[in-house]
């Protein structure tokens, strides 16, 4: 993950509201969801985040797209709070998943410790504790949706066949291969500290003697004979491990000096014409699962593995099945999720301040009703399904 991508992730998580207790004194409270609140600043930050996302996706039509989606910003904030409370009811803490996610970020940034990750967040003016809390919230809501909605979706073989036939023309693809690499560097300077999460189909391998990028890096110092011999011996030793059955991705994580090491050496997909002719002739003649000999490159010695080899044309239903299942899952998830959230709304206390609109409100949703008490300073809030107290 590039640092710029990491910075964007930090910022996007930071703008998600870390929901507060209703007892907390803040500026304007615009929504109460059971014993939690959403403030005007939460709402404003979420709208700004939406604007930024839309501009990145389609700057030319940003205004129109924002106008269409702005009405659902408050709905989405309420949705998140309802899912977080359901996660609490289900006993989902996300502690283990949070640690794993943070460690993945640390590895992708090629940082040595969690302390360095914290400094990376703070360098952007972001509270690390708020960042972690919002990441935890994201994990919890995803788990609730998967458990309460996704697990009940049914995708049949008939669904898959119908989707395949309807989208067959969109599936046509050129011949391409997916490559993984293990690089033993001969450069005296350390390799890049910023690994890519996944190379694009048109990006050349980092260490595979591919065509030059638009802005080539500075030429490294030439290695001496002893350094070359040591690197080649190490590469041959690694290749021997793989021939004896060692998993390529695990060996890459432990031994590769390339920026793709954290991803098990994965470089992504390559069409014909994106690699140097020597590498194209060699790798496009290979089958999925095959591994090259040690190849000398400008960066050092590299071992390449063809992890996929897709032929030109329309893939079969079997080849496309995982992607079709994913597409159908998300296609069915959205309406099912809205039904589920409608149910959660009908079981909750939701009070939206005048002037604001929850576009996801249910017709059967009941706003808390204030009733007089013997103690004039106290107020009880009643609802037909369960009780909640707002102080």
Protein backbone atom coordinates (compact mmCIF):
# COMPACT_ATOMS: atom_id res chain seq x y z
CA UNK A 1 0.00 0.00 0.00
CA UNK A 2 1.43 3.37 -0.99
CA UNK A 3 1.77 5.93 1.75
CA UNK A 4 -0.67 8.19 -0.07
CA UNK A 5 -3.25 5.40 -0.03
CA UNK A 6 -2.57 4.84 3.66
CA UNK A 7 -3.02 8.54 4.37
CA UNK A 8 -6.37 8.49 2.56
CA UNK A 9 -7.44 5.46 4.59
CA UNK A 10 -6.48 7.23 7.79
CA UNK A 11 -8.46 10.26 6.80
CA UNK A 12 -11.52 8.33 5.66
CA UNK A 13 -11.66 6.34 8.87
CA UNK A 14 -11.13 9.45 10.94
CA UNK A 15 -14.17 11.21 9.55
CA UNK A 16 -16.44 8.36 10.57
CA UNK A 17 -17.98 9.38 13.89
CA UNK A 18 -16.83 7.58 17.01
CA UNK A 19 -20.33 7.64 18.50
CA UNK A 20 -20.60 9.17 21.94
CA UNK A 21 -22.73 8.50 24.98
CA UNK A 22 -25.83 10.66 25.11
CA UNK A 23 -24.49 12.02 28.41
CA UNK A 24 -21.59 13.75 26.62
CA UNK A 25 -21.97 17.48 26.16
CA UNK A 26 -21.21 18.38 22.53
CA UNK A 27 -22.34 21.03 20.05
CA UNK A 28 -25.67 20.39 18.28
CA UNK A 29 -27.18 16.92 18.70
CA UNK A 30 -29.17 16.13 15.56
CA UNK A 31 -30.07 12.47 16.18
CA UNK A 32 -30.43 10.24 19.23
CA UNK A 33 -30.19 6.50 18.61
CA UNK A 34 -31.03 4.73 21.86
CA UNK A 35 -28.33 5.98 24.28
CA UNK A 36 -25.99 7.31 21.59
CA UNK A 37 -25.96 10.51 19.59
CA UNK A 38 -25.00 11.88 16.19
CA UNK A 39 -23.87 15.51 16.12
CA UNK A 40 -23.92 18.19 13.47
CA UNK A 41 -20.13 17.91 13.12
CA UNK A 42 -20.42 14.13 12.52
CA UNK A 43 -22.93 14.89 9.79
CA UNK A 44 -20.80 17.63 8.23
CA UNK A 45 -17.65 15.45 8.19
CA UNK A 46 -19.52 12.59 6.54
CA UNK A 47 -20.82 14.90 3.81
CA UNK A 48 -17.31 16.19 3.14
CA UNK A 49 -16.01 12.63 2.94
CA UNK A 50 -18.74 11.77 0.43
CA UNK A 51 -17.75 14.76 -1.73
CA UNK A 52 -14.09 13.66 -1.72
CA UNK A 53 -14.98 10.07 -2.65
CA UNK A 54 -17.22 11.15 -5.52
CA UNK A 55 -14.60 13.54 -6.90
CA UNK A 56 -12.03 10.74 -6.96
CA UNK A 57 -14.46 8.38 -8.71
CA UNK A 58 -15.92 10.77 -11.31
CA UNK A 59 -14.85 14.40 -11.07
CA UNK A 60 -16.79 15.40 -14.22
CA UNK A 61 -20.15 14.39 -12.75
CA UNK A 62 -19.34 15.00 -9.09
CA UNK A 63 -22.03 17.61 -8.43
CA UNK A 64 -24.83 15.49 -9.86
CA UNK A 65 -23.67 12.34 -8.06
CA UNK A 66 -23.34 14.20 -4.77
CA UNK A 67 -26.85 15.64 -5.08
CA UNK A 68 -28.21 12.11 -5.54
CA UNK A 69 -26.35 10.61 -2.59
CA UNK A 70 -26.27 13.48 -0.09
CA UNK A 71 -29.82 12.73 1.05
CA UNK A 72 -28.69 9.35 2.43
CA UNK A 73 -25.75 10.59 4.53
CA UNK A 74 -27.78 10.82 7.74
CA UNK A 75 -29.43 7.48 7.00
CA UNK A 76 -26.00 5.85 6.71
CA UNK A 77 -24.85 7.33 10.02
CA UNK A 78 -27.94 5.96 11.75
CA UNK A 79 -27.44 2.61 10.00
CA UNK A 80 -23.91 2.37 11.36
CA UNK A 81 -24.98 3.10 14.91
CA UNK A 82 -27.78 0.51 14.76
CA UNK A 83 -25.29 -2.09 13.48
CA UNK A 84 -22.76 -1.21 16.19
CA UNK A 85 -25.37 -1.69 18.88
CA UNK A 86 -26.42 -5.00 17.32
CA UNK A 87 -22.77 -6.03 17.33
CA UNK A 88 -22.65 -5.32 21.07
CA UNK A 89 -25.77 -7.43 21.58
CA UNK A 90 -24.11 -10.27 19.64
CA UNK A 91 -20.93 -10.00 21.71
CA UNK A 92 -18.76 -8.88 18.78
CA UNK A 93 -15.78 -6.92 20.10
CA UNK A 94 -13.50 -7.13 17.01
CA UNK A 95 -10.41 -7.03 19.27
CA UNK A 96 -8.56 -9.83 17.46
CA UNK A 97 -9.55 -8.60 14.00
CA UNK A 98 -8.48 -5.06 14.86
CA UNK A 99 -4.99 -6.21 15.86
CA UNK A 100 -4.68 -8.23 12.64
CA UNK A 101 -5.83 -5.30 10.50
CA UNK A 102 -3.41 -2.89 12.15
CA UNK A 103 -0.58 -5.38 11.71
CA UNK A 104 -1.45 -5.77 8.02
CA UNK A 105 -1.24 -1.99 7.65
CA UNK A 106 2.10 -1.99 9.45
CA UNK A 107 3.48 -4.63 7.08
CA UNK A 108 2.13 -2.88 3.99
CA UNK A 109 3.84 0.33 5.14
CA UNK A 110 6.98 -1.72 5.84
CA UNK A 111 7.11 -0.35 9.39
CA UNK A 112 8.93 -2.17 12.16
CA UNK A 113 6.47 -1.63 15.00
CA UNK A 114 2.99 -0.50 15.98
CA UNK A 115 4.62 2.58 17.50
CA UNK A 116 5.76 3.59 14.01
CA UNK A 117 2.23 3.04 12.70
CA UNK A 118 0.92 5.32 15.45
CA UNK A 119 3.47 7.98 14.49
CA UNK A 120 2.38 7.68 10.84
CA UNK A 121 -1.19 8.47 11.88
CA UNK A 122 -0.17 11.31 14.17
CA UNK A 123 2.00 12.85 11.45
CA UNK A 124 -1.24 13.43 9.54
CA UNK A 125 -2.77 15.23 12.51
CA UNK A 126 -5.04 12.28 13.30
CA UNK A 127 -5.74 10.89 16.75
CA UNK A 128 -4.52 7.28 16.72
CA UNK A 129 -7.14 6.27 19.29
CA UNK A 130 -9.93 7.72 17.14
CA UNK A 131 -8.46 6.01 14.10
CA UNK A 132 -8.44 2.64 15.89
CA UNK A 133 -11.98 3.13 17.19
CA UNK A 134 -13.33 3.93 13.75
CA UNK A 135 -11.50 0.95 12.25
CA UNK A 136 -13.03 -1.22 15.01
CA UNK A 137 -16.47 0.17 14.17
CA UNK A 138 -15.94 -0.69 10.52
CA UNK A 139 -14.98 -4.29 11.38
CA UNK A 140 -17.95 -4.72 13.73
CA UNK A 141 -20.51 -3.47 11.20
CA UNK A 142 -19.06 -5.73 8.51
CA UNK A 143 -19.28 -8.75 10.81
CA UNK A 144 -22.86 -7.98 11.83
CA UNK A 145 -23.91 -7.66 8.19
CA UNK A 146 -22.15 -10.91 7.26
CA UNK A 147 -23.69 -12.81 10.20
CA UNK A 148 -27.19 -11.35 10.25
CA UNK A 149 -27.79 -10.75 6.53
CA UNK A 150 -25.13 -12.29 4.29
CA UNK A 151 -25.31 -15.75 5.86
CA UNK A 152 -29.00 -16.00 4.95
CA UNK A 153 -28.61 -15.18 1.25
CA UNK A 154 -29.18 -18.05 -1.15
CA UNK A 155 -27.37 -18.14 -4.50
CA UNK A 156 -28.50 -20.99 -6.75
CA UNK A 157 -26.88 -22.55 -9.80
CA UNK A 158 -29.78 -21.12 -11.81
CA UNK A 159 -28.88 -17.63 -10.55
CA UNK A 160 -25.28 -18.13 -11.62
CA UNK A 161 -26.23 -19.43 -15.09
CA UNK A 162 -28.63 -16.54 -15.68
CA UNK A 163 -26.04 -13.96 -14.61
CA UNK A 164 -23.41 -15.59 -16.82
CA UNK A 165 -25.65 -15.53 -19.90
CA UNK A 166 -26.74 -11.92 -19.30
CA UNK A 167 -23.17 -10.63 -18.85
CA UNK A 168 -21.25 -12.95 -21.15
CA UNK A 169 -20.27 -10.20 -23.59
CA UNK A 170 -18.77 -8.17 -20.72
CA UNK A 171 -16.53 -11.08 -19.70
CA UNK A 172 -14.46 -11.27 -22.88
CA UNK A 173 -10.81 -10.79 -22.03
CA UNK A 174 -7.38 -10.78 -23.71
CA UNK A 175 -4.77 -13.40 -22.96
CA UNK A 176 -3.10 -12.52 -19.68
CA UNK A 177 -1.08 -14.05 -16.89
CA UNK A 178 -0.78 -13.39 -13.18
CA UNK A 179 2.80 -13.35 -11.94
CA UNK A 180 4.44 -13.60 -8.55
CA UNK A 181 8.11 -12.85 -7.91
CA UNK A 182 10.92 -13.48 -5.47
CA UNK A 183 13.70 -10.93 -5.82
CA UNK A 184 17.19 -11.25 -4.38
CA UNK A 185 18.47 -7.71 -4.72
CA UNK A 186 21.99 -6.79 -5.73
CA UNK A 187 21.39 -3.10 -5.11
CA UNK A 188 23.40 -1.60 -2.30
CA UNK A 189 20.57 0.82 -1.49
CA UNK A 190 17.56 -0.72 0.26
CA UNK A 191 14.57 -1.48 -1.99
CA UNK A 192 11.44 0.64 -1.84
CA UNK A 193 9.77 0.78 1.56
CA UNK A 194 6.28 1.20 0.15
CA UNK A 195 4.82 -2.09 -1.18
CA UNK A 196 1.94 -2.04 -3.66
CA UNK A 197 -1.16 -3.97 -2.46
CA UNK A 198 -1.70 -5.23 -6.00
CA UNK A 199 -0.14 -4.35 -9.32
CA UNK A 200 -2.46 -3.16 -12.06
CA UNK A 201 -2.76 -5.28 -15.20
CA UNK A 202 -0.64 -2.78 -17.12
CA UNK A 203 2.09 -2.41 -14.49
CA UNK A 204 5.38 -4.25 -15.15
CA UNK A 205 6.99 -6.46 -12.48
CA UNK A 206 9.12 -4.50 -10.07
CA UNK A 207 12.10 -6.75 -10.58
CA UNK A 208 11.43 -8.54 -13.83
CA UNK A 209 13.38 -6.44 -16.35
CA UNK A 210 10.14 -4.94 -17.70
CA UNK A 211 9.63 -1.84 -19.79
CA UNK A 212 10.69 1.38 -18.06
CA UNK A 213 8.17 3.50 -16.17
CA UNK A 214 7.50 7.13 -17.03
CA UNK A 215 9.81 8.32 -14.24
CA UNK A 216 12.67 5.83 -13.82
CA UNK A 217 14.32 5.59 -10.40
CA UNK A 218 17.95 6.71 -9.94
CA UNK A 219 20.45 4.14 -11.16
CA UNK A 220 21.81 2.08 -8.24
CA UNK A 221 25.50 1.57 -7.64
CA UNK A 222 26.90 -1.36 -9.63
CA UNK A 223 27.31 -4.49 -7.48
CA UNK A 224 30.76 -6.03 -7.16
CA UNK A 225 31.56 -9.61 -8.14
CA UNK A 226 31.35 -10.93 -4.59
CA UNK A 227 27.93 -9.37 -4.07
CA UNK A 228 26.67 -10.81 -7.36
CA UNK A 229 27.92 -14.30 -6.51
CA UNK A 230 26.32 -14.22 -3.06
CA UNK A 231 22.97 -13.02 -4.42
CA UNK A 232 22.92 -15.64 -7.18
CA UNK A 233 23.76 -18.41 -4.70
CA UNK A 234 20.94 -17.25 -2.43
CA UNK A 235 18.47 -17.17 -5.35
CA UNK A 236 19.45 -20.69 -6.43
CA UNK A 237 19.00 -21.89 -2.86
CA UNK A 238 15.51 -20.37 -2.75
CA UNK A 239 14.61 -22.00 -6.08
CA UNK A 240 15.79 -25.34 -4.69
CA UNK A 241 13.42 -24.90 -1.71
CA UNK A 242 10.51 -24.30 -4.08
CA UNK A 243 11.39 -27.36 -6.20
CA UNK A 244 11.34 -29.39 -2.99
CA UNK A 245 7.79 -28.28 -2.22
CA UNK A 246 8.05 -25.02 -0.28
CA UNK A 247 5.09 -22.68 -0.89
CA UNK A 248 6.13 -19.88 -3.25
CA UNK A 249 4.13 -17.17 -1.43
CA UNK A 250 5.53 -18.10 1.97
CA UNK A 251 9.09 -18.15 0.65
CA UNK A 252 8.49 -14.75 -0.97
CA UNK A 253 7.25 -13.24 2.29
CA UNK A 254 10.38 -14.42 4.11
CA UNK A 255 13.06 -13.92 1.46
CA UNK A 256 12.03 -11.52 -1.30
CA UNK A 257 13.57 -8.05 -1.41
CA UNK A 258 10.86 -6.88 -3.80
CA UNK A 259 8.06 -4.47 -2.82
CA UNK A 260 5.51 -7.27 -3.35
CA UNK A 261 6.96 -9.46 -0.57
CA UNK A 262 4.15 -8.65 1.89
CA UNK A 263 1.64 -9.94 -0.68
CA UNK A 264 3.52 -13.22 -1.15
CA UNK A 265 5.19 -11.85 -4.27
CA UNK A 266 1.92 -11.20 -6.16
CA UNK A 267 2.43 -8.72 -9.01
CA UNK A 268 -1.02 -8.85 -10.57
CA UNK A 269 -2.19 -9.54 -14.11
CA UNK A 270 -0.24 -8.74 -17.29
CA UNK A 271 -1.51 -8.56 -20.85
CA UNK A 272 0.72 -9.18 -23.83
CA UNK A 273 2.82 -6.15 -24.57
CA UNK A 274 3.30 -5.03 -20.97
CA UNK A 275 6.44 -7.09 -20.26
CA UNK A 276 9.81 -7.02 -21.99
CA UNK A 277 9.85 -9.36 -25.01
CA UNK A 278 12.25 -11.79 -23.29
CA UNK A 279 10.01 -12.15 -20.27
CA UNK A 280 6.81 -12.23 -22.31
CA UNK A 281 8.12 -15.04 -24.53
CA UNK A 282 9.19 -17.00 -21.47
CA UNK A 283 6.21 -16.50 -19.14
CA UNK A 284 3.36 -16.62 -21.69
CA UNK A 285 4.65 -20.05 -22.76
CA UNK A 286 4.20 -21.34 -19.19
CA UNK A 287 1.19 -22.96 -17.54
CA UNK A 288 -0.36 -21.89 -14.27
CA UNK A 289 1.77 -23.13 -11.37
CA UNK A 290 5.05 -23.23 -13.26
CA UNK A 291 8.16 -21.43 -11.98
CA UNK A 292 11.04 -19.94 -13.98
CA UNK A 293 14.72 -20.54 -13.39
CA UNK A 294 16.70 -17.77 -11.70
CA UNK A 295 16.70 -14.71 -14.01
CA UNK A 296 19.35 -11.99 -13.89
CA UNK A 297 17.84 -8.48 -13.93
CA UNK A 298 19.09 -4.96 -13.28
CA UNK A 299 17.75 -5.16 -9.72
CA UNK A 300 19.22 -8.55 -8.92
CA UNK A 301 18.13 -12.16 -9.38
CA UNK A 302 14.44 -12.92 -9.72
CA UNK A 303 12.30 -16.06 -9.73
CA UNK A 304 8.87 -15.74 -11.35
CA UNK A 305 5.80 -17.94 -10.94
CA UNK A 306 2.80 -17.96 -13.27
CA UNK A 307 -0.08 -18.27 -10.83
CA UNK A 308 -2.80 -17.88 -13.51
CA UNK A 309 -2.81 -18.11 -17.29
CA UNK A 310 -6.04 -16.83 -18.81
CA UNK A 311 -6.53 -17.44 -22.52
CA UNK A 312 -8.17 -14.88 -24.78
CA UNK A 313 -11.94 -15.11 -25.21
CA UNK A 314 -14.92 -15.59 -22.92
CA UNK A 315 -14.11 -17.67 -19.81
CA UNK A 316 -16.33 -20.61 -18.94
CA UNK A 317 -18.96 -20.42 -16.23
CA UNK A 318 -16.75 -22.58 -14.02
CA UNK A 319 -13.82 -20.17 -14.43
CA UNK A 320 -16.02 -17.16 -13.64
CA UNK A 321 -18.03 -18.80 -10.86
CA UNK A 322 -16.23 -17.17 -7.89
CA UNK A 323 -16.61 -13.69 -9.42
CA UNK A 324 -20.23 -14.34 -10.37
CA UNK A 325 -20.99 -15.51 -6.85
CA UNK A 326 -19.45 -12.33 -5.45
CA UNK A 327 -21.46 -10.17 -7.85
CA UNK A 328 -24.71 -11.96 -6.99
CA UNK A 329 -23.94 -11.78 -3.27
CA UNK A 330 -23.60 -7.99 -3.33
CA UNK A 331 -26.54 -7.69 -5.70
CA UNK A 332 -28.77 -9.49 -3.21
CA UNK A 333 -27.15 -8.03 -0.12
CA UNK A 334 -28.31 -4.42 -0.54
CA UNK A 335 -32.09 -5.00 -0.56
CA UNK A 336 -31.78 -7.63 2.18
CA UNK A 337 -29.71 -5.24 4.30
CA UNK A 338 -32.30 -2.48 3.94
CA UNK A 339 -35.00 -4.89 5.16
CA UNK A 340 -32.83 -5.82 8.14
CA UNK A 341 -32.08 -2.18 8.99
CA UNK A 342 -35.80 -1.36 8.78
CA UNK A 343 -36.38 -4.02 11.42
CA UNK A 344 -33.63 -2.59 13.64
CA UNK A 345 -35.17 0.88 13.30
CA UNK A 346 -38.54 -0.41 14.43
CA UNK A 347 -36.95 -1.88 17.56
CA UNK A 348 -34.96 1.22 18.48
CA UNK A 349 -35.46 4.70 19.91
CA UNK A 350 -34.59 7.13 17.12
CA UNK A 351 -35.21 10.84 17.53
CA UNK A 352 -34.23 13.02 14.55
CA UNK A 353 -34.03 16.76 15.20
CA UNK A 354 -36.40 18.99 13.24
CA UNK A 355 -34.90 20.05 9.93
CA UNK A 356 -33.07 16.75 9.32
CA UNK A 357 -34.41 13.74 7.41
CA UNK A 358 -33.63 10.05 7.84
CA UNK A 359 -34.24 8.68 4.33
CA UNK A 360 -34.23 5.14 5.72
CA UNK A 361 -36.94 5.68 8.35
CA UNK A 362 -39.60 2.99 8.64
CA UNK A 363 -43.32 3.88 8.54
CA UNK A 364 -43.67 1.73 11.67
CA UNK A 365 -40.86 3.52 13.45
CA UNK A 366 -41.95 5.14 16.71
CA UNK A 367 -40.33 8.27 18.04
CA UNK A 368 -39.73 8.34 21.82
CA UNK A 369 -42.58 10.00 23.69
CA UNK A 370 -41.93 12.19 26.70
CA UNK A 371 -44.36 11.68 29.57
CA UNK A 372 -44.84 13.75 32.68
CA UNK A 373 -43.33 12.46 35.91
CA UNK A 374 -44.02 13.17 39.54
CA UNK A 375 -40.56 14.70 39.61
CA UNK A 376 -40.83 17.65 37.22
CA UNK A 377 -37.06 17.50 36.57
CA UNK A 378 -37.21 13.90 35.30
CA UNK A 379 -38.48 12.62 31.95
CA UNK A 380 -39.23 9.04 30.91
CA UNK A 381 -39.07 7.97 27.30
CA UNK A 382 -41.43 5.18 26.30
CA UNK A 383 -41.72 2.99 23.26
CA UNK A 384 -43.82 -0.04 22.51
CA UNK A 385 -40.97 -2.58 22.18
CA UNK A 386 -38.24 -1.63 24.63
CA UNK A 387 -37.10 1.15 26.93
CA UNK A 388 -34.11 3.46 26.64
CA UNK A 389 -33.09 6.45 28.75
CA UNK A 390 -31.70 9.66 27.34
CA UNK A 391 -30.24 11.99 29.91
